[in-house]
Amino acid sequence: MYLFRAKFFYTGLLLLCVLKVAAQTSNVSNPTNGRENNPYSKYGIGELLNSNNASLRGMGNLTSTYANPYEVNSENPASFAFIQRTTFELGGTASIRTLNGSGLTYKTGTTTVSYLSLGFPVHKNAGISFGFKPYTHVYYNMVDTLDFTTNPTSPIGQVVRTYNGEGGLNTAYFGAGYKLKEFSLGVNMGYTFGSINSTVAAVPIDTAPYNGAFITEFNKNTKFNGFNWKVGLMYEHALDSQYILRLGGTFAWAQSLTERYNAYEISTHSLGDTLLTIVTDSTVNKYGQLTLPMSFTLGALLAKNNKWALGVDFAYTDWSGFKSTPNGLFDTGVGKSSYKISLGGEITPDVNNLRSYLSRVTYRLGFYYGVDYVKLYNTTLPCYGVTAGASLPFKRSLSRLNMAIDLGKLGTNTNNLIQQGYVRFTLGITISDRWFIPRKYD
């Protein structure tokens, strides 16, 4: 009974700590604004977030084929069939992003909860899992200036334009996996919800020569919700008594979310000492559908039991089908496709060496390269990086403290675009044990 109470005490304590950290964001260049400014999140549904656990992040995000009896791989539901203990996972990420463009450098950073999942076996060949994970993030804050000489030009002299946006989407999921001989099949049902708000404001600077020039603000608010599905498959073949080869993949077909789109314009200008505000009759309030794109992953992994694993993954998303029925401009800046190739592995020197703690630590390393789904000025945005991580086992327990770091770049300076460098550190905990078996003795 003591062990049962202790598990939930430490789980609750960890939840409080992580939520407190997630609420404390920091901005390196502007301490008054605790957000991670990403100009590319202006397009589509925002920046796609990495919702993998820390173990997967440390090895380049090998989601297609990774299956561990004491961890939850929520990206491939076929892996749930391998779960042998009730497993709770929670993780948070601290990120610093550096923006480089037009000879200027800007740094911004934040911390946030990255994933929360629970998985447990329901049969020796079957398991289920449910959890919550952020899906996309939107936050950007940009300014530019127009006048008679710029392109486009301003007919009323110098005008400052500001672009602001915030929001994002989240997903709660429930999934199950079943293993039949060498094959494992799984399915995830997710519920995605969230909202995106954006504002564009034009403020005239040369007000004296142009009497009656308006300060104009365009506002858009879009809310989304709906169900989505993903299927996963794994094939595991024992090459001999020690080595296994595992092939796997996932598929999510194009699916629709319910979308509520609201847009309005506010115009303000000065009449002496009086500000006159006019809400124009161009207010829009529409319902419709947002079509999410089809995607799939494929991968292969070679492993030696309780020793090491090495794998490769390929992920592809067809963004050509991404569209919004109430907002025909929602796909502006969205390319036709995106992909990512990942290579990674892990090694545990000696899992049974009780005299050497470092021999029981699992070490990970990975690499990835791909192309983001945002495409601007007919220019694709490359995304690449290197990852590393480790799992620190608790004494006399299957539970672990997991760490991962991701050093990468996104974008390019071609055609006056912005290249971003980022450092992401993920800290997670995995609590794995027999939670739901009654004790004969206390």
Protein backbone atom coordinates (compact mmCIF):
# COMPACT_ATOMS: atom_id res chain seq x y z
CA MET A 1 0.00 0.00 0.00
CA TYR A 2 2.89 2.35 0.74
CA LEU A 3 4.33 1.86 -2.73
CA PHE A 4 0.93 2.52 -4.29
CA ARG A 5 0.56 5.82 -2.43
CA ALA A 6 4.15 6.83 -3.20
CA LYS A 7 3.65 6.41 -6.94
CA PHE A 8 0.74 8.80 -7.04
CA PHE A 9 2.42 11.25 -4.66
CA TYR A 10 5.47 11.57 -6.89
CA THR A 11 3.33 11.68 -10.02
CA GLY A 12 1.28 14.56 -8.61
CA LEU A 13 4.39 16.35 -7.40
CA LEU A 14 5.96 16.09 -10.85
CA LEU A 15 2.79 17.43 -12.49
CA LEU A 16 2.82 20.50 -10.25
CA CYS A 17 6.52 21.15 -10.91
CA VAL A 18 6.24 20.84 -14.68
CA LEU A 19 3.13 23.00 -14.90
CA LYS A 20 4.87 25.66 -12.80
CA VAL A 21 7.91 25.59 -15.10
CA ALA A 22 5.67 25.76 -18.16
CA ALA A 23 4.07 28.92 -16.86
CA GLN A 24 7.44 30.64 -16.48
CA THR A 25 8.52 31.66 -19.97
CA SER A 26 11.43 33.89 -20.87
CA ASN A 27 12.38 36.02 -23.82
CA VAL A 28 16.11 36.69 -24.13
CA SER A 29 15.77 39.96 -26.03
CA ASN A 30 12.50 41.20 -24.55
CA PRO A 31 11.85 40.06 -20.97
CA THR A 32 8.39 41.66 -20.95
CA ASN A 33 7.14 39.27 -23.61
CA GLY A 34 7.44 35.63 -22.59
CA ARG A 35 6.88 34.01 -25.99
CA GLU A 36 9.04 32.26 -28.56
CA ASN A 37 8.74 34.46 -31.63
CA ASN A 38 8.63 32.40 -34.84
CA PRO A 39 7.70 34.41 -37.97
CA TYR A 40 7.07 31.21 -39.96
CA SER A 41 4.25 30.28 -37.57
CA LYS A 42 2.22 32.96 -39.37
CA TYR A 43 1.47 30.47 -42.13
CA GLY A 44 -0.90 27.52 -42.23
CA ILE A 45 -1.71 26.04 -38.82
CA GLY A 46 1.55 27.31 -37.31
CA GLU A 47 4.75 25.60 -36.25
CA LEU A 48 4.36 21.81 -36.06
CA LEU A 49 5.52 20.72 -32.60
CA ASN A 50 7.53 17.65 -31.70
CA SER A 51 5.30 15.65 -29.35
CA ASN A 52 7.59 12.62 -29.03
CA ASN A 53 8.92 11.59 -25.65
CA ALA A 54 12.48 12.43 -24.64
CA SER A 55 13.81 9.00 -25.60
CA LEU A 56 12.64 9.33 -29.20
CA ARG A 57 13.88 12.91 -29.41
CA GLY A 58 17.36 11.86 -28.36
CA MET A 59 17.68 9.39 -31.23
CA GLY A 60 16.48 11.61 -34.07
CA ASN A 61 12.74 10.82 -33.65
CA LEU A 62 12.59 7.21 -34.86
CA THR A 63 8.84 6.85 -34.40
CA SER A 64 8.01 4.20 -37.03
CA THR A 65 9.79 1.24 -35.44
CA TYR A 66 10.61 2.11 -31.82
CA ALA A 67 8.88 -0.14 -29.29
CA ASN A 68 9.87 -0.49 -25.65
CA PRO A 69 8.10 -2.57 -22.96
CA TYR A 70 8.46 0.31 -20.49
CA GLU A 71 7.84 3.40 -22.67
CA VAL A 72 5.00 4.87 -24.73
CA ASN A 73 5.59 5.68 -28.41
CA SER A 74 2.37 7.59 -29.08
CA GLU A 75 3.22 8.22 -32.75
CA ASN A 76 2.90 4.57 -33.79
CA PRO A 77 -0.01 2.84 -32.02
CA ALA A 78 1.30 -0.58 -33.07
CA SER A 79 3.98 -0.11 -30.38
CA PHE A 80 1.30 -0.26 -27.65
CA ALA A 81 1.20 -4.05 -28.10
CA PHE A 82 4.75 -4.25 -26.70
CA ILE A 83 3.96 -2.48 -23.38
CA GLN A 84 4.49 -4.83 -20.41
CA ARG A 85 4.02 -2.47 -17.45
CA THR A 86 1.72 0.39 -16.65
CA THR A 87 3.73 3.38 -17.86
CA PHE A 88 3.19 7.07 -17.18
CA GLU A 89 5.24 9.65 -19.08
CA LEU A 90 5.47 13.39 -18.72
CA GLY A 91 7.93 15.84 -20.24
CA GLY A 92 8.69 19.51 -20.70
CA THR A 93 10.90 21.41 -23.14
CA ALA A 94 13.00 24.55 -22.79
CA SER A 95 13.83 26.21 -26.11
CA ILE A 96 16.01 29.08 -27.31
CA ARG A 97 15.58 30.31 -30.89
CA THR A 98 17.91 32.67 -32.77
CA LEU A 99 16.54 34.54 -35.80
CA ASN A 100 18.97 35.78 -38.45
CA GLY A 101 17.88 37.95 -41.35
CA SER A 102 18.71 41.25 -43.07
CA GLY A 103 21.87 41.57 -40.99
CA LEU A 104 19.93 41.46 -37.70
CA THR A 105 19.93 38.83 -34.94
CA TYR A 106 17.13 38.28 -32.46
CA LYS A 107 16.88 35.70 -29.66
CA THR A 108 13.79 34.40 -27.97
CA GLY A 109 12.96 31.46 -25.73
CA THR A 110 10.30 29.67 -23.75
CA THR A 111 9.45 26.56 -21.72
CA THR A 112 6.38 24.39 -22.11
CA VAL A 113 4.83 20.98 -21.40
CA SER A 114 5.62 18.68 -24.35
CA TYR A 115 3.71 15.45 -23.76
CA LEU A 116 1.66 13.50 -21.25
CA SER A 117 0.74 9.85 -21.80
CA LEU A 118 -0.31 6.71 -20.00
CA GLY A 119 -0.02 3.19 -21.41
CA PHE A 120 -0.70 -0.24 -19.95
CA PRO A 121 -1.07 -3.84 -21.10
CA VAL A 122 -4.52 -5.42 -21.28
CA HIS A 123 -3.26 -8.79 -22.56
CA LYS A 124 0.14 -10.37 -23.11
CA ASN A 125 -0.15 -9.32 -26.77
CA ALA A 126 -2.20 -6.13 -26.46
CA GLY A 127 -1.93 -2.68 -24.90
CA ILE A 128 -3.72 0.65 -24.85
CA SER A 129 -2.63 4.24 -24.31
CA PHE A 130 -4.13 7.69 -23.97
CA GLY A 131 -2.67 11.11 -23.49
CA PHE A 132 -2.41 14.76 -24.43
CA LYS A 133 0.12 16.61 -26.58
CA PRO A 134 0.44 20.03 -28.21
CA TYR A 135 0.15 19.78 -32.00
CA THR A 136 0.99 23.25 -33.35
CA HIS A 137 2.08 26.59 -31.92
CA VAL A 138 1.49 30.09 -33.28
CA TYR A 139 3.24 33.17 -32.02
CA TYR A 140 4.80 35.90 -34.12
CA ASN A 141 5.38 39.64 -33.74
CA MET A 142 6.76 41.51 -36.77
CA VAL A 143 6.98 45.12 -38.00
CA ASP A 144 7.75 46.71 -41.38
CA THR A 145 7.55 50.23 -42.84
CA LEU A 146 6.11 51.46 -46.15
CA ASP A 147 6.61 54.80 -47.92
CA PHE A 148 6.76 56.24 -51.45
CA THR A 149 9.92 54.26 -52.30
CA THR A 150 9.04 50.78 -51.02
CA ASN A 151 7.42 47.90 -52.85
CA PRO A 152 4.51 47.98 -52.32
CA THR A 153 4.34 51.77 -52.04
CA SER A 154 2.26 53.80 -49.63
CA PRO A 155 0.13 56.58 -51.18
CA ILE A 156 -0.20 58.35 -47.82
CA GLY A 157 3.48 58.60 -46.90
CA GLN A 158 5.21 56.58 -44.23
CA VAL A 159 3.13 53.78 -42.70
CA VAL A 160 4.16 51.26 -40.04
CA ARG A 161 2.58 47.80 -40.36
CA THR A 162 2.54 45.36 -37.44
CA TYR A 163 1.75 41.64 -37.65
CA ASN A 164 0.76 39.70 -34.54
CA GLY A 165 -0.55 36.19 -34.05
CA GLU A 166 -0.97 33.63 -31.31
CA GLY A 167 -2.69 30.33 -30.58
CA GLY A 168 -2.26 26.76 -31.73
CA LEU A 169 -3.80 23.31 -31.80
CA ASN A 170 -3.72 20.47 -29.26
CA THR A 171 -4.57 16.78 -29.51
CA ALA A 172 -5.94 14.32 -26.98
CA TYR A 173 -5.68 10.73 -28.13
CA PHE A 174 -6.71 7.17 -27.29
CA GLY A 175 -5.09 4.19 -28.98
CA ALA A 176 -4.75 0.42 -28.91
CA GLY A 177 -2.32 -2.10 -30.35
CA TYR A 178 -2.41 -5.86 -30.83
CA LYS A 179 0.39 -8.30 -31.68
CA LEU A 180 -0.16 -11.49 -33.67
CA LYS A 181 3.02 -13.51 -34.07
CA GLU A 182 5.50 -11.23 -35.89
CA PHE A 183 2.98 -8.52 -36.79
CA SER A 184 1.60 -5.71 -34.65
CA LEU A 185 -1.29 -3.47 -35.65
CA GLY A 186 -2.55 -0.37 -33.87
CA VAL A 187 -4.90 2.56 -34.24
CA ASN A 188 -5.05 6.02 -32.64
CA MET A 189 -8.19 8.12 -32.39
CA GLY A 190 -7.44 11.76 -31.66
CA TYR A 191 -9.49 14.84 -30.90
CA THR A 192 -7.82 18.03 -32.15
CA PHE A 193 -8.92 21.46 -30.97
CA GLY A 194 -7.65 25.01 -30.63
CA SER A 195 -7.74 28.50 -32.08
CA ILE A 196 -5.52 30.93 -34.00
CA ASN A 197 -5.78 34.71 -33.70
CA SER A 198 -4.03 37.18 -36.00
CA THR A 199 -3.93 40.95 -36.32
CA VAL A 200 -2.51 43.25 -38.99
CA ALA A 201 -2.41 46.97 -38.18
CA ALA A 202 -1.40 49.91 -40.42
CA VAL A 203 -0.44 53.12 -38.59
CA PRO A 204 0.23 56.29 -40.68
CA ILE A 205 3.25 58.27 -39.48
CA ASP A 206 3.04 61.32 -41.79
CA THR A 207 -0.41 62.39 -40.56
CA ALA A 208 -0.11 66.15 -41.17
CA PRO A 209 0.11 66.13 -45.00
CA TYR A 210 -2.68 63.56 -45.29
CA ASN A 211 -5.69 64.72 -43.34
CA GLY A 212 -8.09 61.92 -42.43
CA ALA A 213 -5.66 59.01 -42.80
CA PHE A 214 -7.00 56.04 -40.83
CA ILE A 215 -5.25 53.74 -38.40
CA THR A 216 -6.60 50.43 -39.65
CA GLU A 217 -6.61 47.10 -37.87
CA PHE A 218 -7.63 43.78 -39.46
CA ASN A 219 -8.47 40.97 -37.03
CA LYS A 220 -9.01 37.26 -37.68
CA ASN A 221 -10.02 34.55 -35.24
CA THR A 222 -10.33 30.91 -36.26
CA LYS A 223 -11.43 28.04 -34.03
CA PHE A 224 -11.00 24.34 -34.87
CA ASN A 225 -12.17 21.02 -33.50
CA GLY A 226 -12.65 17.50 -34.78
CA PHE A 227 -11.60 13.85 -34.70
CA ASN A 228 -8.74 12.26 -36.60
CA TRP A 229 -7.33 8.76 -37.05
CA LYS A 230 -3.97 7.12 -37.53
CA VAL A 231 -3.08 3.47 -38.09
CA GLY A 232 0.29 1.86 -37.39
CA LEU A 233 1.97 -1.40 -38.35
CA MET A 234 5.14 -3.18 -37.19
CA TYR A 235 6.83 -6.38 -38.31
CA GLU A 236 9.48 -7.89 -36.06
CA HIS A 237 11.70 -10.78 -37.16
CA ALA A 238 14.31 -12.49 -34.98
CA LEU A 239 17.51 -12.94 -36.99
CA ASP A 240 18.91 -15.19 -34.26
CA SER A 241 18.79 -15.45 -30.47
CA GLN A 242 20.14 -11.91 -30.00
CA TYR A 243 19.38 -9.76 -33.04
CA ILE A 244 16.02 -8.57 -34.34
CA LEU A 245 14.96 -6.64 -37.43
CA ARG A 246 11.86 -4.47 -37.13
CA LEU A 247 10.02 -2.73 -39.97
CA GLY A 248 7.22 -0.27 -39.34
CA GLY A 249 5.13 2.60 -40.54
CA THR A 250 2.06 4.74 -39.94
CA PHE A 251 -0.62 6.25 -42.15
CA ALA A 252 -3.05 9.11 -41.52
CA TRP A 253 -5.38 9.98 -44.33
CA ALA A 254 -6.65 13.49 -45.12
CA GLN A 255 -9.21 14.47 -42.49
CA SER A 256 -11.37 17.46 -41.75
CA LEU A 257 -11.80 19.68 -38.71
CA THR A 258 -14.81 21.89 -38.10
CA GLU A 259 -13.74 25.51 -38.57
CA ARG A 260 -15.35 28.73 -37.38
CA TYR A 261 -13.83 31.77 -39.07
CA ASN A 262 -14.44 35.32 -37.85
CA ALA A 263 -12.86 38.46 -39.33
CA TYR A 264 -13.50 42.17 -38.84
CA GLU A 265 -11.87 45.54 -39.47
CA ILE A 266 -11.48 48.47 -37.08
CA SER A 267 -10.58 51.93 -38.43
CA THR A 268 -9.61 54.88 -36.23
CA HIS A 269 -8.50 58.41 -37.04
CA SER A 270 -8.06 61.70 -35.24
CA LEU A 271 -10.51 64.62 -35.46
CA GLY A 272 -8.72 67.26 -33.44
CA ASP A 273 -8.74 66.02 -29.88
CA THR A 274 -11.26 63.27 -30.65
CA LEU A 275 -10.60 59.71 -31.81
CA LEU A 276 -13.30 58.41 -34.14
CA THR A 277 -13.57 54.62 -34.32
CA ILE A 278 -15.49 52.86 -37.08
CA VAL A 279 -16.13 49.14 -37.33
CA THR A 280 -16.69 48.54 -41.02
CA ASP A 281 -19.44 46.38 -42.48
CA SER A 282 -16.86 43.91 -43.81
CA THR A 283 -17.27 41.66 -40.76
CA VAL A 284 -17.16 37.95 -41.71
CA ASN A 285 -18.52 35.07 -39.65
CA LYS A 286 -18.44 31.69 -41.40
CA TYR A 287 -18.52 27.99 -40.61
CA GLY A 288 -16.77 25.38 -42.71
CA GLN A 289 -14.10 22.69 -42.83
CA LEU A 290 -10.32 22.69 -42.59
CA THR A 291 -8.80 19.74 -44.43
CA LEU A 292 -5.66 18.35 -42.80
CA PRO A 293 -3.18 16.64 -45.12
CA MET A 294 -2.46 12.96 -45.64
CA SER A 295 0.79 11.73 -44.09
CA PHE A 296 2.77 8.54 -43.67
CA THR A 297 6.02 7.26 -42.14
CA LEU A 298 8.24 4.28 -42.94
CA GLY A 299 11.20 2.93 -41.01
CA ALA A 300 13.57 0.07 -40.25
CA LEU A 301 15.45 -0.79 -37.08
CA LEU A 302 18.13 -3.35 -36.20
CA ALA A 303 18.58 -4.16 -32.52
CA LYS A 304 20.53 -6.41 -30.18
CA ASN A 305 18.50 -7.42 -27.14
CA ASN A 306 19.03 -5.09 -24.13
CA LYS A 307 22.17 -3.71 -25.76
CA TRP A 308 21.75 -1.37 -28.74
CA ALA A 309 19.43 -0.34 -31.57
CA LEU A 310 20.02 1.54 -34.83
CA GLY A 311 17.28 2.76 -37.14
CA VAL A 312 16.24 5.03 -40.00
CA ASP A 313 12.89 6.79 -40.59
CA PHE A 314 11.22 8.63 -43.47
CA ALA A 315 8.18 10.86 -42.90
CA TYR A 316 6.13 12.51 -45.66
CA THR A 317 3.10 14.83 -45.64
CA ASP A 318 1.08 15.81 -48.72
CA TRP A 319 0.12 19.45 -48.11
CA SER A 320 -1.44 19.90 -51.56
CA GLY A 321 -4.80 18.91 -50.05
CA PHE A 322 -4.61 21.42 -47.20
CA LYS A 323 -7.45 23.94 -47.54
CA SER A 324 -10.09 25.93 -45.68
CA THR A 325 -13.62 26.38 -47.02
CA PRO A 326 -14.47 29.58 -45.06
CA ASN A 327 -11.06 31.21 -45.61
CA GLY A 328 -9.69 30.77 -49.12
CA LEU A 329 -6.39 32.46 -48.16
CA PHE A 330 -5.59 30.11 -45.29
CA ASP A 331 -3.20 28.04 -47.40
CA THR A 332 -1.10 31.09 -48.38
CA GLY A 333 2.57 30.28 -47.88
CA VAL A 334 1.92 26.53 -47.58
CA GLY A 335 3.92 24.29 -49.93
CA LYS A 336 2.85 21.13 -51.71
CA SER A 337 4.68 18.68 -49.45
CA SER A 338 7.13 18.23 -46.61
CA TYR A 339 9.42 15.38 -45.58
CA LYS A 340 12.00 14.39 -43.00
CA ILE A 341 14.68 11.68 -42.93
CA SER A 342 15.94 10.59 -39.50
CA LEU A 343 18.83 8.37 -38.44
CA GLY A 344 19.49 7.45 -34.85
CA GLY A 345 20.30 4.85 -32.26
CA GLU A 346 20.76 3.99 -28.62
CA ILE A 347 23.15 1.88 -26.57
CA THR A 348 23.12 0.53 -23.01
CA PRO A 349 26.61 -0.77 -22.07
CA ASP A 350 25.40 -3.38 -19.56
CA VAL A 351 21.85 -3.25 -18.25
CA ASN A 352 22.60 -5.96 -15.64
CA ASN A 353 25.74 -4.40 -14.15
CA LEU A 354 24.61 -3.42 -10.66
CA ARG A 355 28.07 -2.22 -9.66
CA SER A 356 28.37 0.45 -12.36
CA TYR A 357 25.52 2.94 -12.66
CA LEU A 358 26.88 4.46 -15.90
CA SER A 359 26.80 1.01 -17.51
CA ARG A 360 23.03 0.90 -16.98
CA VAL A 361 22.43 4.35 -18.48
CA THR A 362 21.03 4.36 -22.03
CA TYR A 363 22.83 6.79 -24.37
CA ARG A 364 21.28 8.10 -27.61
CA LEU A 365 22.36 9.99 -30.71
CA GLY A 366 20.49 11.03 -33.88
CA PHE A 367 20.42 13.19 -36.99
CA TYR A 368 17.62 14.50 -39.23
CA TYR A 369 17.16 16.45 -42.43
CA GLY A 370 13.99 17.59 -44.17
CA VAL A 371 11.92 20.33 -45.73
CA ASP A 372 9.27 22.30 -43.81
CA TYR A 373 5.73 22.67 -45.12
CA VAL A 374 6.02 26.47 -45.40
CA LYS A 375 7.18 27.73 -48.83
CA LEU A 376 7.73 31.46 -49.44
CA TYR A 377 8.83 33.30 -52.59
CA ASN A 378 9.08 29.93 -54.32
CA THR A 379 11.72 28.95 -51.77
CA THR A 380 11.55 25.85 -49.58
CA LEU A 381 12.72 25.94 -45.96
CA PRO A 382 15.25 23.24 -45.06
CA CYS A 383 15.22 21.83 -41.54
CA TYR A 384 18.13 19.82 -40.12
CA GLY A 385 19.82 19.06 -36.83
CA VAL A 386 21.58 16.69 -34.47
CA THR A 387 20.14 15.17 -31.29
CA ALA A 388 21.52 13.44 -28.22
CA GLY A 389 20.02 12.06 -25.05
CA ALA A 390 20.20 9.70 -22.12
CA SER A 391 17.92 7.72 -19.80
CA LEU A 392 18.95 7.59 -16.14
CA PRO A 393 17.42 4.58 -14.35
CA PHE A 394 16.10 4.84 -10.81
CA LYS A 395 17.49 2.44 -8.23
CA ARG A 396 15.59 -0.87 -8.01
CA SER A 397 12.96 0.35 -10.44
CA LEU A 398 12.01 0.33 -14.11
CA SER A 399 11.32 4.07 -13.93
CA ARG A 400 13.74 6.51 -15.53
CA LEU A 401 14.63 10.16 -15.93
CA ASN A 402 15.00 10.98 -19.63
CA MET A 403 16.91 13.85 -21.22
CA ALA A 404 17.36 15.00 -24.81
CA ILE A 405 18.89 17.95 -26.62
CA ASP A 406 18.18 19.06 -30.19
CA LEU A 407 20.52 21.47 -32.01
CA GLY A 408 19.06 22.47 -35.37
CA LYS A 409 18.36 25.04 -38.05
CA LEU A 410 15.23 26.01 -39.98
CA GLY A 411 14.96 28.20 -43.05
CA THR A 412 17.37 30.10 -45.24
CA ASN A 413 18.49 33.67 -45.94
CA THR A 414 17.76 33.24 -49.67
CA ASN A 415 15.28 35.80 -51.06
CA ASN A 416 15.55 37.85 -47.85
CA LEU A 417 14.05 35.09 -45.72
CA ILE A 418 14.98 34.35 -42.11
CA GLN A 419 17.15 31.48 -40.95
CA GLN A 420 16.47 30.19 -37.48
CA GLY A 421 18.82 28.32 -35.18
CA TYR A 422 17.39 26.59 -32.14
CA VAL A 423 18.41 24.65 -29.06
CA ARG A 424 15.74 22.50 -27.40
CA PHE A 425 16.29 20.68 -24.15
CA THR A 426 13.69 18.11 -23.10
CA LEU A 427 13.41 16.66 -19.61
CA GLY A 428 10.95 13.85 -18.99
CA ILE A 429 10.13 11.15 -16.50
CA THR A 430 8.89 7.62 -17.11
CA ILE A 431 7.19 5.83 -14.22
CA SER A 432 6.77 2.16 -15.10
CA ASP A 433 5.52 -0.54 -12.74
CA ARG A 434 2.65 -2.92 -11.93
CA TRP A 435 0.08 -0.35 -10.85
CA PHE A 436 -3.16 -2.28 -11.13
CA ILE A 437 -2.26 -5.65 -9.57
CA PRO A 438 -3.49 -6.12 -5.98
CA ARG A 439 -0.78 -6.86 -3.40
CA LYS A 440 -1.01 -10.08 -1.37
CA TYR A 441 1.04 -8.49 1.40
CA ASP A 442 1.40 -4.89 2.52
